[in-house]
Amino acid sequence: MSSNMRNTERANQLAKDAMTEAHGTCSTVYTQIDYARDFLRMNWTGHASSTYDDALILWLEELRLITNDMNNMIELFGGTERAMIAMEDENTVMGSSWLKDLNPNQAG
């Protein structure tokens, strides 16, 4: 397998770190927007306030779903990373054993 096509532990860790950072950023945004919404509730009344609050609640719910999915992906990726590396190692060993069978006249 070409070295530029091989899954590497470093690449997997970089991807997991990037997802973790994005998750943290989204969680921070959620907290800040939720705080701002609470502040507005105390200082703003009327129909426009209610409409804005309803829309913001829906937006926050969607953001929470996204951050939950991101968290699931981070957990899954950690397991997938280990599984992919183990599979590649197994395939390398298996492929090496085929070399002798496929090329019996070649020293291996």
PDB file of N, CA and C in Angstrom:
ATOM      1  N   MET A   1       0.846  -1.168   0.000  1.00  0.00           N
ATOM      2  CA  MET A   1       0.000   0.000   0.000  1.00  0.00           C
ATOM      3  C   MET A   1       0.892   1.231   0.000  1.00  0.00           C
ATOM      4  N   SER A   2       0.524   2.182  -0.796  1.00  0.00           N
ATOM      5  CA  SER A   2       1.280   3.428  -0.882  1.00  0.00           C
ATOM      6  C   SER A   2       1.280   4.134   0.470  1.00  0.00           C
ATOM      7  N   SER A   3       2.418   4.728   0.827  1.00  0.00           N
ATOM      8  CA  SER A   3       2.508   5.390   2.125  1.00  0.00           C
ATOM      9  C   SER A   3       1.577   6.593   2.220  1.00  0.00           C
ATOM     10  N   ASN A   4       1.247   7.208   1.089  1.00  0.00           N
ATOM     11  CA  ASN A   4       0.329   8.344   1.160  1.00  0.00           C
ATOM     12  C   ASN A   4      -1.135   7.912   1.225  1.00  0.00           C
ATOM     13  N   MET A   5      -1.390   6.632   1.116  1.00  0.00           N
ATOM     14  CA  MET A   5      -2.749   6.114   1.220  1.00  0.00           C
ATOM     15  C   MET A   5      -2.984   5.390   2.541  1.00  0.00           C
ATOM     16  N   ARG A   6      -1.941   5.177   3.309  1.00  0.00           N
ATOM     17  CA  ARG A   6      -2.056   4.427   4.557  1.00  0.00           C
ATOM     18  C   ARG A   6      -2.626   5.318   5.660  1.00  0.00           C
ATOM     19  N   ASN A   7      -3.529   4.759   6.381  1.00  0.00           N
ATOM     20  CA  ASN A   7      -4.090   5.448   7.542  1.00  0.00           C
ATOM     21  C   ASN A   7      -3.005   5.530   8.611  1.00  0.00           C
ATOM     22  N   THR A   8      -2.805   6.703   9.168  1.00  0.00           N
ATOM     23  CA  THR A   8      -1.766   6.837  10.186  1.00  0.00           C
ATOM     24  C   THR A   8      -2.383   7.269  11.506  1.00  0.00           C
ATOM     25  N   GLU A   9      -1.723   6.878  12.564  1.00  0.00           N
ATOM     26  CA  GLU A   9      -2.193   7.263  13.884  1.00  0.00           C
ATOM     27  C   GLU A   9      -2.182   8.784  14.028  1.00  0.00           C
ATOM     28  N   ARG A  10      -1.158   9.419  13.473  1.00  0.00           N
ATOM     29  CA  ARG A  10      -1.060  10.889  13.556  1.00  0.00           C
ATOM     30  C   ARG A  10      -2.223  11.560  12.832  1.00  0.00           C
ATOM     31  N   ALA A  11      -2.550  11.080  11.650  1.00  0.00           N
ATOM     32  CA  ALA A  11      -3.663  11.664  10.905  1.00  0.00           C
ATOM     33  C   ALA A  11      -4.975  11.477  11.658  1.00  0.00           C
ATOM     34  N   ASN A  12      -5.163  10.295  12.220  1.00  0.00           N
ATOM     35  CA  ASN A  12      -6.372  10.036  12.994  1.00  0.00           C
ATOM     36  C   ASN A  12      -6.444  10.945  14.215  1.00  0.00           C
ATOM     37  N   GLN A  13      -5.329  11.137  14.881  1.00  0.00           N
ATOM     38  CA  GLN A  13      -5.307  11.988  16.063  1.00  0.00           C
ATOM     39  C   GLN A  13      -5.587  13.444  15.691  1.00  0.00           C
ATOM     40  N   LEU A  14      -5.021  13.890  14.559  1.00  0.00           N
ATOM     41  CA  LEU A  14      -5.284  15.257  14.095  1.00  0.00           C
ATOM     42  C   LEU A  14      -6.767  15.453  13.784  1.00  0.00           C
ATOM     43  N   ALA A  15      -7.368  14.475  13.141  1.00  0.00           N
ATOM     44  CA  ALA A  15      -8.794  14.567  12.816  1.00  0.00           C
ATOM     45  C   ALA A  15      -9.639  14.584  14.091  1.00  0.00           C
ATOM     46  N   LYS A  16      -9.299  13.722  15.028  1.00  0.00           N
ATOM     47  CA  LYS A  16     -10.039  13.681  16.292  1.00  0.00           C
ATOM     48  C   LYS A  16      -9.862  14.994  17.057  1.00  0.00           C
ATOM     49  N   ASP A  17      -8.653  15.527  17.071  1.00  0.00           N
ATOM     50  CA  ASP A  17      -8.403  16.803  17.748  1.00  0.00           C
ATOM     51  C   ASP A  17      -9.200  17.935  17.105  1.00  0.00           C
ATOM     52  N   ALA A  18      -9.265  17.949  15.776  1.00  0.00           N
ATOM     53  CA  ALA A  18     -10.023  18.987  15.074  1.00  0.00           C
ATOM     54  C   ALA A  18     -11.507  18.892  15.417  1.00  0.00           C
ATOM     55  N   MET A  19     -12.032  17.680  15.473  1.00  0.00           N
ATOM     56  CA  MET A  19     -13.438  17.495  15.820  1.00  0.00           C
ATOM     57  C   MET A  19     -13.690  17.917  17.265  1.00  0.00           C
ATOM     58  N   THR A  20     -12.759  17.605  18.149  1.00  0.00           N
ATOM     59  CA  THR A  20     -12.892  17.979  19.552  1.00  0.00           C
ATOM     60  C   THR A  20     -12.876  19.500  19.708  1.00  0.00           C
ATOM     61  N   GLU A  21     -11.987  20.158  18.968  1.00  0.00           N
ATOM     62  CA  GLU A  21     -11.928  21.624  19.023  1.00  0.00           C
ATOM     63  C   GLU A  21     -13.222  22.246  18.498  1.00  0.00           C
ATOM     64  N   ALA A  22     -13.732  21.721  17.392  1.00  0.00           N
ATOM     65  CA  ALA A  22     -14.986  22.239  16.833  1.00  0.00           C
ATOM     66  C   ALA A  22     -16.136  22.027  17.816  1.00  0.00           C
ATOM     67  N   HIS A  23     -16.154  20.894  18.471  1.00  0.00           N
ATOM     68  CA  HIS A  23     -17.183  20.598  19.470  1.00  0.00           C
ATOM     69  C   HIS A  23     -17.107  21.606  20.611  1.00  0.00           C
ATOM     70  N   GLY A  24     -15.903  21.886  21.079  1.00  0.00           N
ATOM     71  CA  GLY A  24     -15.726  22.853  22.155  1.00  0.00           C
ATOM     72  C   GLY A  24     -16.186  24.244  21.759  1.00  0.00           C
ATOM     73  N   THR A  25     -15.866  24.639  20.534  1.00  0.00           N
ATOM     74  CA  THR A  25     -16.290  25.947  20.032  1.00  0.00           C
ATOM     75  C   THR A  25     -17.808  26.037  19.969  1.00  0.00           C
ATOM     76  N   CYS A  26     -18.439  24.993  19.444  1.00  0.00           N
ATOM     77  CA  CYS A  26     -19.906  24.983  19.359  1.00  0.00           C
ATOM     78  C   CYS A  26     -20.541  25.014  20.750  1.00  0.00           C
ATOM     79  N   SER A  27     -19.962  24.309  21.691  1.00  0.00           N
ATOM     80  CA  SER A  27     -20.486  24.309  23.059  1.00  0.00           C
ATOM     81  C   SER A  27     -20.364  25.700  23.692  1.00  0.00           C
ATOM     82  N   THR A  28     -19.258  26.373  23.424  1.00  0.00           N
ATOM     83  CA  THR A  28     -19.075  27.730  23.935  1.00  0.00           C
ATOM     84  C   THR A  28     -20.104  28.679  23.330  1.00  0.00           C
ATOM     85  N   VAL A  29     -20.331  28.578  22.031  1.00  0.00           N
ATOM     86  CA  VAL A  29     -21.331  29.412  21.361  1.00  0.00           C
ATOM     87  C   VAL A  29     -22.705  29.154  21.968  1.00  0.00           C
ATOM     88  N   TYR A  30     -23.027  27.886  22.186  1.00  0.00           N
ATOM     89  CA  TYR A  30     -24.318  27.547  22.785  1.00  0.00           C
ATOM     90  C   TYR A  30     -24.488  28.253  24.128  1.00  0.00           C
ATOM     91  N   THR A  31     -23.491  28.158  24.986  1.00  0.00           N
ATOM     92  CA  THR A  31     -23.556  28.764  26.315  1.00  0.00           C
ATOM     93  C   THR A  31     -23.712  30.281  26.219  1.00  0.00           C
ATOM     94  N   GLN A  32     -22.953  30.908  25.336  1.00  0.00           N
ATOM     95  CA  GLN A  32     -23.026  32.362  25.194  1.00  0.00           C
ATOM     96  C   GLN A  32     -24.391  32.815  24.673  1.00  0.00           C
ATOM     97  N   ILE A  33     -24.910  32.120  23.693  1.00  0.00           N
ATOM     98  CA  ILE A  33     -26.217  32.484  23.128  1.00  0.00           C
ATOM     99  C   ILE A  33     -27.321  32.236  24.149  1.00  0.00           C
ATOM    100  N   ASP A  34     -27.227  31.148  24.882  1.00  0.00           N
ATOM    101  CA  ASP A  34     -28.223  30.854  25.906  1.00  0.00           C
ATOM    102  C   ASP A  34     -28.217  31.935  26.993  1.00  0.00           C
ATOM    103  N   TYR A  35     -27.039  32.385  27.370  1.00  0.00           N
ATOM    104  CA  TYR A  35     -26.921  33.454  28.356  1.00  0.00           C
ATOM    105  C   TYR A  35     -27.528  34.757  27.818  1.00  0.00           C
ATOM    106  N   ALA A  36     -27.231  35.074  26.568  1.00  0.00           N
ATOM    107  CA  ALA A  36     -27.775  36.289  25.960  1.00  0.00           C
ATOM    108  C   ALA A  36     -29.299  36.210  25.876  1.00  0.00           C
ATOM    109  N   ARG A  37     -29.811  35.038  25.562  1.00  0.00           N
ATOM    110  CA  ARG A  37     -31.271  34.845  25.501  1.00  0.00           C
ATOM    111  C   ARG A  37     -31.893  35.098  26.869  1.00  0.00           C
ATOM    112  N   ASP A  38     -31.286  34.563  27.915  1.00  0.00           N
ATOM    113  CA  ASP A  38     -31.800  34.798  29.269  1.00  0.00           C
ATOM    114  C   ASP A  38     -31.773  36.280  29.623  1.00  0.00           C
ATOM    115  N   PHE A  39     -30.712  36.971  29.233  1.00  0.00           N
ATOM    116  CA  PHE A  39     -30.617  38.412  29.492  1.00  0.00           C
ATOM    117  C   PHE A  39     -31.715  39.173  28.749  1.00  0.00           C
ATOM    118  N   LEU A  40     -31.934  38.816  27.487  1.00  0.00           N
ATOM    119  CA  LEU A  40     -32.976  39.486  26.705  1.00  0.00           C
ATOM    120  C   LEU A  40     -34.360  39.248  27.302  1.00  0.00           C
ATOM    121  N   ARG A  41     -34.604  38.049  27.783  1.00  0.00           N
ATOM    122  CA  ARG A  41     -35.904  37.733  28.386  1.00  0.00           C
ATOM    123  C   ARG A  41     -36.233  38.680  29.536  1.00  0.00           C
ATOM    124  N   MET A  42     -35.222  39.026  30.309  1.00  0.00           N
ATOM    125  CA  MET A  42     -35.441  39.900  31.463  1.00  0.00           C
ATOM    126  C   MET A  42     -35.683  41.348  31.036  1.00  0.00           C
ATOM    127  N   ASN A  43     -35.219  41.730  29.860  1.00  0.00           N
ATOM    128  CA  ASN A  43     -35.242  43.137  29.465  1.00  0.00           C
ATOM    129  C   ASN A  43     -36.085  43.446  28.226  1.00  0.00           C
ATOM    130  N   TRP A  44     -36.712  42.458  27.656  1.00  0.00           N
ATOM    131  CA  TRP A  44     -37.442  42.680  26.411  1.00  0.00           C
ATOM    132  C   TRP A  44     -38.762  41.928  26.492  1.00  0.00           C
ATOM    133  N   THR A  45     -39.851  42.597  26.212  1.00  0.00           N
ATOM    134  CA  THR A  45     -41.177  41.969  26.251  1.00  0.00           C
ATOM    135  C   THR A  45     -41.924  42.275  24.969  1.00  0.00           C
ATOM    136  N   GLY A  46     -43.037  41.630  24.797  1.00  0.00           N
ATOM    137  CA  GLY A  46     -43.880  41.882  23.636  1.00  0.00           C
ATOM    138  C   GLY A  46     -43.803  40.758  22.618  1.00  0.00           C
ATOM    139  N   HIS A  47     -44.567  40.955  21.539  1.00  0.00           N
ATOM    140  CA  HIS A  47     -44.679  39.937  20.493  1.00  0.00           C
ATOM    141  C   HIS A  47     -43.328  39.668  19.821  1.00  0.00           C
ATOM    142  N   ALA A  48     -42.595  40.708  19.509  1.00  0.00           N
ATOM    143  CA  ALA A  48     -41.287  40.524  18.865  1.00  0.00           C
ATOM    144  C   ALA A  48     -40.357  39.721  19.760  1.00  0.00           C
ATOM    145  N   SER A  49     -40.421  39.989  21.052  1.00  0.00           N
ATOM    146  CA  SER A  49     -39.590  39.252  22.004  1.00  0.00           C
ATOM    147  C   SER A  49     -39.937  37.770  21.994  1.00  0.00           C
ATOM    148  N   SER A  50     -41.212  37.471  22.014  1.00  0.00           N
ATOM    149  CA  SER A  50     -41.661  36.072  22.023  1.00  0.00           C
ATOM    150  C   SER A  50     -41.265  35.351  20.740  1.00  0.00           C
ATOM    151  N   THR A  51     -41.464  36.026  19.616  1.00  0.00           N
ATOM    152  CA  THR A  51     -41.120  35.423  18.324  1.00  0.00           C
ATOM    153  C   THR A  51     -39.623  35.156  18.228  1.00  0.00           C
ATOM    154  N   TYR A  52     -38.829  36.140  18.648  1.00  0.00           N
ATOM    155  CA  TYR A  52     -37.375  35.980  18.635  1.00  0.00           C
ATOM    156  C   TYR A  52     -36.951  34.852  19.568  1.00  0.00           C
ATOM    157  N   ASP A  53     -37.536  34.813  20.763  1.00  0.00           N
ATOM    158  CA  ASP A  53     -37.195  33.773  21.739  1.00  0.00           C
ATOM    159  C   ASP A  53     -37.534  32.388  21.205  1.00  0.00           C
ATOM    160  N   ASP A  54     -38.697  32.243  20.576  1.00  0.00           N
ATOM    161  CA  ASP A  54     -39.091  30.950  20.006  1.00  0.00           C
ATOM    162  C   ASP A  54     -38.101  30.497  18.929  1.00  0.00           C
ATOM    163  N   ALA A  55     -37.721  31.440  18.066  1.00  0.00           N
ATOM    164  CA  ALA A  55     -36.766  31.109  17.000  1.00  0.00           C
ATOM    165  C   ALA A  55     -35.406  30.740  17.584  1.00  0.00           C
ATOM    166  N   LEU A  56     -34.984  31.464  18.594  1.00  0.00           N
ATOM    167  CA  LEU A  56     -33.694  31.199  19.216  1.00  0.00           C
ATOM    168  C   LEU A  56     -33.682  29.850  19.929  1.00  0.00           C
ATOM    169  N   ILE A  57     -34.794  29.504  20.555  1.00  0.00           N
ATOM    170  CA  ILE A  57     -34.892  28.197  21.216  1.00  0.00           C
ATOM    171  C   ILE A  57     -34.723  27.081  20.181  1.00  0.00           C
ATOM    172  N   LEU A  58     -35.388  27.224  19.042  1.00  0.00           N
ATOM    173  CA  LEU A  58     -35.251  26.205  17.984  1.00  0.00           C
ATOM    174  C   LEU A  58     -33.809  26.121  17.491  1.00  0.00           C
ATOM    175  N   TRP A  59     -33.174  27.277  17.331  1.00  0.00           N
ATOM    176  CA  TRP A  59     -31.779  27.299  16.875  1.00  0.00           C
ATOM    177  C   TRP A  59     -30.875  26.616  17.892  1.00  0.00           C
ATOM    178  N   LEU A  60     -31.087  26.910  19.170  1.00  0.00           N
ATOM    179  CA  LEU A  60     -30.280  26.281  20.218  1.00  0.00           C
ATOM    180  C   LEU A  60     -30.503  24.769  20.266  1.00  0.00           C
ATOM    181  N   GLU A  61     -31.736  24.343  20.047  1.00  0.00           N
ATOM    182  CA  GLU A  61     -32.017  22.902  20.013  1.00  0.00           C
ATOM    183  C   GLU A  61     -31.257  22.233  18.874  1.00  0.00           C
ATOM    184  N   GLU A  62     -31.239  22.880  17.706  1.00  0.00           N
ATOM    185  CA  GLU A  62     -30.494  22.335  16.567  1.00  0.00           C
ATOM    186  C   GLU A  62     -28.995  22.289  16.857  1.00  0.00           C
ATOM    187  N   LEU A  63     -28.485  23.355  17.459  1.00  0.00           N
ATOM    188  CA  LEU A  63     -27.063  23.375  17.807  1.00  0.00           C
ATOM    189  C   LEU A  63     -26.743  22.277  18.807  1.00  0.00           C
ATOM    190  N   ARG A  64     -27.618  22.050  19.762  1.00  0.00           N
ATOM    191  CA  ARG A  64     -27.396  20.976  20.744  1.00  0.00           C
ATOM    192  C   ARG A  64     -27.382  19.618  20.049  1.00  0.00           C
ATOM    193  N   LEU A  65     -28.267  19.405  19.093  1.00  0.00           N
ATOM    194  CA  LEU A  65     -28.264  18.146  18.338  1.00  0.00           C
ATOM    195  C   LEU A  65     -26.945  17.966  17.590  1.00  0.00           C
ATOM    196  N   ILE A  66     -26.458  19.055  17.004  1.00  0.00           N
ATOM    197  CA  ILE A  66     -25.188  18.995  16.275  1.00  0.00           C
ATOM    198  C   ILE A  66     -24.046  18.665  17.224  1.00  0.00           C
ATOM    199  N   THR A  67     -24.003  19.330  18.370  1.00  0.00           N
ATOM    200  CA  THR A  67     -22.902  19.061  19.307  1.00  0.00           C
ATOM    201  C   THR A  67     -22.999  17.646  19.872  1.00  0.00           C
ATOM    202  N   ASN A  68     -24.206  17.152  20.069  1.00  0.00           N
ATOM    203  CA  ASN A  68     -24.362  15.759  20.525  1.00  0.00           C
ATOM    204  C   ASN A  68     -23.836  14.793  19.462  1.00  0.00           C
ATOM    205  N   ASP A  69     -24.186  15.057  18.195  1.00  0.00           N
ATOM    206  CA  ASP A  69     -23.689  14.210  17.108  1.00  0.00           C
ATOM    207  C   ASP A  69     -22.161  14.286  17.002  1.00  0.00           C
ATOM    208  N   MET A  70     -21.623  15.491  17.185  1.00  0.00           N
ATOM    209  CA  MET A  70     -20.164  15.637  17.139  1.00  0.00           C
ATOM    210  C   MET A  70     -19.514  14.827  18.260  1.00  0.00           C
ATOM    211  N   ASN A  71     -20.095  14.866  19.437  1.00  0.00           N
ATOM    212  CA  ASN A  71     -19.569  14.097  20.554  1.00  0.00           C
ATOM    213  C   ASN A  71     -19.604  12.600  20.251  1.00  0.00           C
ATOM    214  N   ASN A  72     -20.696  12.144  19.662  1.00  0.00           N
ATOM    215  CA  ASN A  72     -20.793  10.735  19.275  1.00  0.00           C
ATOM    216  C   ASN A  72     -19.727  10.370  18.247  1.00  0.00           C
ATOM    217  N   MET A  73     -19.476  11.288  17.305  1.00  0.00           N
ATOM    218  CA  MET A  73     -18.455  11.033  16.289  1.00  0.00           C
ATOM    219  C   MET A  73     -17.060  10.967  16.912  1.00  0.00           C
ATOM    220  N   ILE A  74     -16.798  11.825  17.887  1.00  0.00           N
ATOM    221  CA  ILE A  74     -15.497  11.811  18.562  1.00  0.00           C
ATOM    222  C   ILE A  74     -15.291  10.470  19.254  1.00  0.00           C
ATOM    223  N   GLU A  75     -16.328  10.000  19.958  1.00  0.00           N
ATOM    224  CA  GLU A  75     -16.235   8.706  20.634  1.00  0.00           C
ATOM    225  C   GLU A  75     -16.073   7.569  19.622  1.00  0.00           C
ATOM    226  N   LEU A  76     -16.867   7.610  18.564  1.00  0.00           N
ATOM    227  CA  LEU A  76     -16.797   6.585  17.531  1.00  0.00           C
ATOM    228  C   LEU A  76     -15.446   6.609  16.842  1.00  0.00           C
ATOM    229  N   PHE A  77     -14.950   7.813  16.564  1.00  0.00           N
ATOM    230  CA  PHE A  77     -13.676   7.936  15.871  1.00  0.00           C
ATOM    231  C   PHE A  77     -12.537   7.335  16.684  1.00  0.00           C
ATOM    232  N   GLY A  78     -12.575   7.535  18.000  1.00  0.00           N
ATOM    233  CA  GLY A  78     -11.540   6.941  18.847  1.00  0.00           C
ATOM    234  C   GLY A  78     -11.503   5.430  18.691  1.00  0.00           C
ATOM    235  N   GLY A  79     -12.661   4.788  18.687  1.00  0.00           N
ATOM    236  CA  GLY A  79     -12.727   3.342  18.488  1.00  0.00           C
ATOM    237  C   GLY A  79     -12.381   2.947  17.069  1.00  0.00           C
ATOM    238  N   THR A  80     -12.834   3.751  16.110  1.00  0.00           N
ATOM    239  CA  THR A  80     -12.562   3.472  14.706  1.00  0.00           C
ATOM    240  C   THR A  80     -11.072   3.579  14.421  1.00  0.00           C
ATOM    241  N   GLU A  81     -10.437   4.562  15.038  1.00  0.00           N
ATOM    242  CA  GLU A  81      -8.998   4.756  14.843  1.00  0.00           C
ATOM    243  C   GLU A  81      -8.236   3.491  15.231  1.00  0.00           C
ATOM    244  N   ARG A  82      -8.528   2.970  16.394  1.00  0.00           N
ATOM    245  CA  ARG A  82      -7.842   1.751  16.850  1.00  0.00           C
ATOM    246  C   ARG A  82      -8.169   0.571  15.941  1.00  0.00           C
ATOM    247  N   ALA A  83      -9.436   0.470  15.535  1.00  0.00           N
ATOM    248  CA  ALA A  83      -9.846  -0.638  14.666  1.00  0.00           C
ATOM    249  C   ALA A  83      -9.179  -0.548  13.297  1.00  0.00           C
ATOM    250  N   MET A  84      -9.075   0.667  12.735  1.00  0.00           N
ATOM    251  CA  MET A  84      -8.466   0.820  11.413  1.00  0.00           C
ATOM    252  C   MET A  84      -6.981   0.461  11.450  1.00  0.00           C
ATOM    253  N   ILE A  85      -6.300   0.896  12.488  1.00  0.00           N
ATOM    254  CA  ILE A  85      -4.869   0.583  12.601  1.00  0.00           C
ATOM    255  C   ILE A  85      -4.669  -0.912  12.755  1.00  0.00           C
ATOM    256  N   ALA A  86      -5.486  -1.555  13.585  1.00  0.00           N
ATOM    257  CA  ALA A  86      -5.380  -3.009  13.768  1.00  0.00           C
ATOM    258  C   ALA A  86      -5.655  -3.741  12.460  1.00  0.00           C
ATOM    259  N   MET A  87      -6.673  -3.280  11.706  1.00  0.00           N
ATOM    260  CA  MET A  87      -7.004  -3.918  10.430  1.00  0.00           C
ATOM    261  C   MET A  87      -5.867  -3.751   9.429  1.00  0.00           C
ATOM    262  N   GLU A  88      -5.278  -2.582   9.379  1.00  0.00           N
ATOM    263  CA  GLU A  88      -4.161  -2.361   8.459  1.00  0.00           C
ATOM    264  C   GLU A  88      -2.977  -3.257   8.824  1.00  0.00           C
ATOM    265  N   ASP A  89      -2.708  -3.392  10.103  1.00  0.00           N
ATOM    266  CA  ASP A  89      -1.620  -4.268  10.526  1.00  0.00           C
ATOM    267  C   ASP A  89      -1.893  -5.713  10.131  1.00  0.00           C
ATOM    268  N   GLU A  90      -3.123  -6.166  10.357  1.00  0.00           N
ATOM    269  CA  GLU A  90      -3.499  -7.531   9.970  1.00  0.00           C
ATOM    270  C   GLU A  90      -3.367  -7.721   8.461  1.00  0.00           C
ATOM    271  N   ASN A  91      -3.816  -6.750   7.684  1.00  0.00           N
ATOM    272  CA  ASN A  91      -3.741  -6.844   6.224  1.00  0.00           C
ATOM    273  C   ASN A  91      -2.299  -6.842   5.733  1.00  0.00           C
ATOM    274  N   THR A  92      -1.442  -6.094   6.393  1.00  0.00           N
ATOM    275  CA  THR A  92      -0.020  -6.082   6.018  1.00  0.00           C
ATOM    276  C   THR A  92       0.595  -7.453   6.241  1.00  0.00           C
ATOM    277  N   VAL A  93       0.291  -8.048   7.382  1.00  0.00           N
ATOM    278  CA  VAL A  93       0.820  -9.388   7.682  1.00  0.00           C
ATOM    279  C   VAL A  93       0.262 -10.392   6.687  1.00  0.00           C
ATOM    280  N   MET A  94      -1.032 -10.335   6.418  1.00  0.00           N
ATOM    281  CA  MET A  94      -1.653 -11.264   5.482  1.00  0.00           C
ATOM    282  C   MET A  94      -1.068 -11.082   4.084  1.00  0.00           C
ATOM    283  N   GLY A  95      -0.933  -9.828   3.650  1.00  0.00           N
ATOM    284  CA  GLY A  95      -0.360  -9.560   2.327  1.00  0.00           C
ATOM    285  C   GLY A  95       1.071 -10.062   2.216  1.00  0.00           C
ATOM    286  N   SER A  96       1.843  -9.938   3.280  1.00  0.00           N
ATOM    287  CA  SER A  96       3.220 -10.432   3.268  1.00  0.00           C
ATOM    288  C   SER A  96       3.253 -11.947   3.107  1.00  0.00           C
ATOM    289  N   SER A  97       2.304 -12.638   3.711  1.00  0.00           N
ATOM    290  CA  SER A  97       2.279 -14.103   3.587  1.00  0.00           C
ATOM    291  C   SER A  97       1.916 -14.522   2.166  1.00  0.00           C
ATOM    292  N   TRP A  98       1.138 -13.734   1.472  1.00  0.00           N
ATOM    293  CA  TRP A  98       0.769 -14.046   0.100  1.00  0.00           C
ATOM    294  C   TRP A  98       1.948 -13.896  -0.845  1.00  0.00           C
ATOM    295  N   LEU A  99       2.887 -13.026  -0.530  1.00  0.00           N
ATOM    296  CA  LEU A  99       4.037 -12.797  -1.392  1.00  0.00           C
ATOM    297  C   LEU A  99       4.768 -14.093  -1.673  1.00  0.00           C
ATOM    298  N   LYS A 100       4.986 -14.885  -0.662  1.00  0.00           N
ATOM    299  CA  LYS A 100       5.687 -16.166  -0.825  1.00  0.00           C
ATOM    300  C   LYS A 100       4.867 -17.120  -1.692  1.00  0.00           C
ATOM    301  N   ASP A 101       3.554 -17.165  -1.450  1.00  0.00           N
ATOM    302  CA  ASP A 101       2.695 -18.064  -2.223  1.00  0.00           C
ATOM    303  C   ASP A 101       2.577 -17.629  -3.685  1.00  0.00           C
ATOM    304  N   LEU A 102       2.526 -16.337  -3.914  1.00  0.00           N
ATOM    305  CA  LEU A 102       2.356 -15.825  -5.275  1.00  0.00           C
ATOM    306  C   LEU A 102       3.661 -15.809  -6.069  1.00  0.00           C
ATOM    307  N   ASN A 103       4.784 -15.728  -5.370  1.00  0.00           N
ATOM    308  CA  ASN A 103       6.088 -15.668  -6.005  1.00  0.00           C
ATOM    309  C   ASN A 103       7.030 -16.709  -5.375  1.00  0.00           C
ATOM    310  N   PRO A 104       6.787 -17.994  -5.617  1.00  0.00           N
ATOM    311  CA  PRO A 104       7.572 -19.034  -4.936  1.00  0.00           C
ATOM    312  C   PRO A 104       9.082 -19.011  -5.290  1.00  0.00           C
ATOM    313  N   ASN A 105       9.431 -18.441  -6.432  1.00  0.00           N
ATOM    314  CA  ASN A 105      10.839 -18.420  -6.847  1.00  0.00           C
ATOM    315  C   ASN A 105      11.578 -17.176  -6.360  1.00  0.00           C
ATOM    316  N   GLN A 106      10.853 -16.309  -5.690  1.00  0.00           N
ATOM    317  CA  GLN A 106      11.470 -15.052  -5.241  1.00  0.00           C
ATOM    318  C   GLN A 106      11.757 -15.148  -3.750  1.00  0.00           C
ATOM    319  N   ALA A 107      12.942 -14.680  -3.370  1.00  0.00           N
ATOM    320  CA  ALA A 107      13.289 -14.696  -1.957  1.00  0.00           C
ATOM    321  C   ALA A 107      12.427 -13.683  -1.228  1.00  0.00           C
ATOM    322  N   GLY A 108      11.880 -14.074  -0.085  1.00  0.00           N
ATOM    323  CA  GLY A 108      11.006 -13.167   0.635  1.00  0.00           C
ATOM    324  C   GLY A 108      11.381 -13.104   2.015  1.00  0.00           C
TER     325      GLY A 108
END
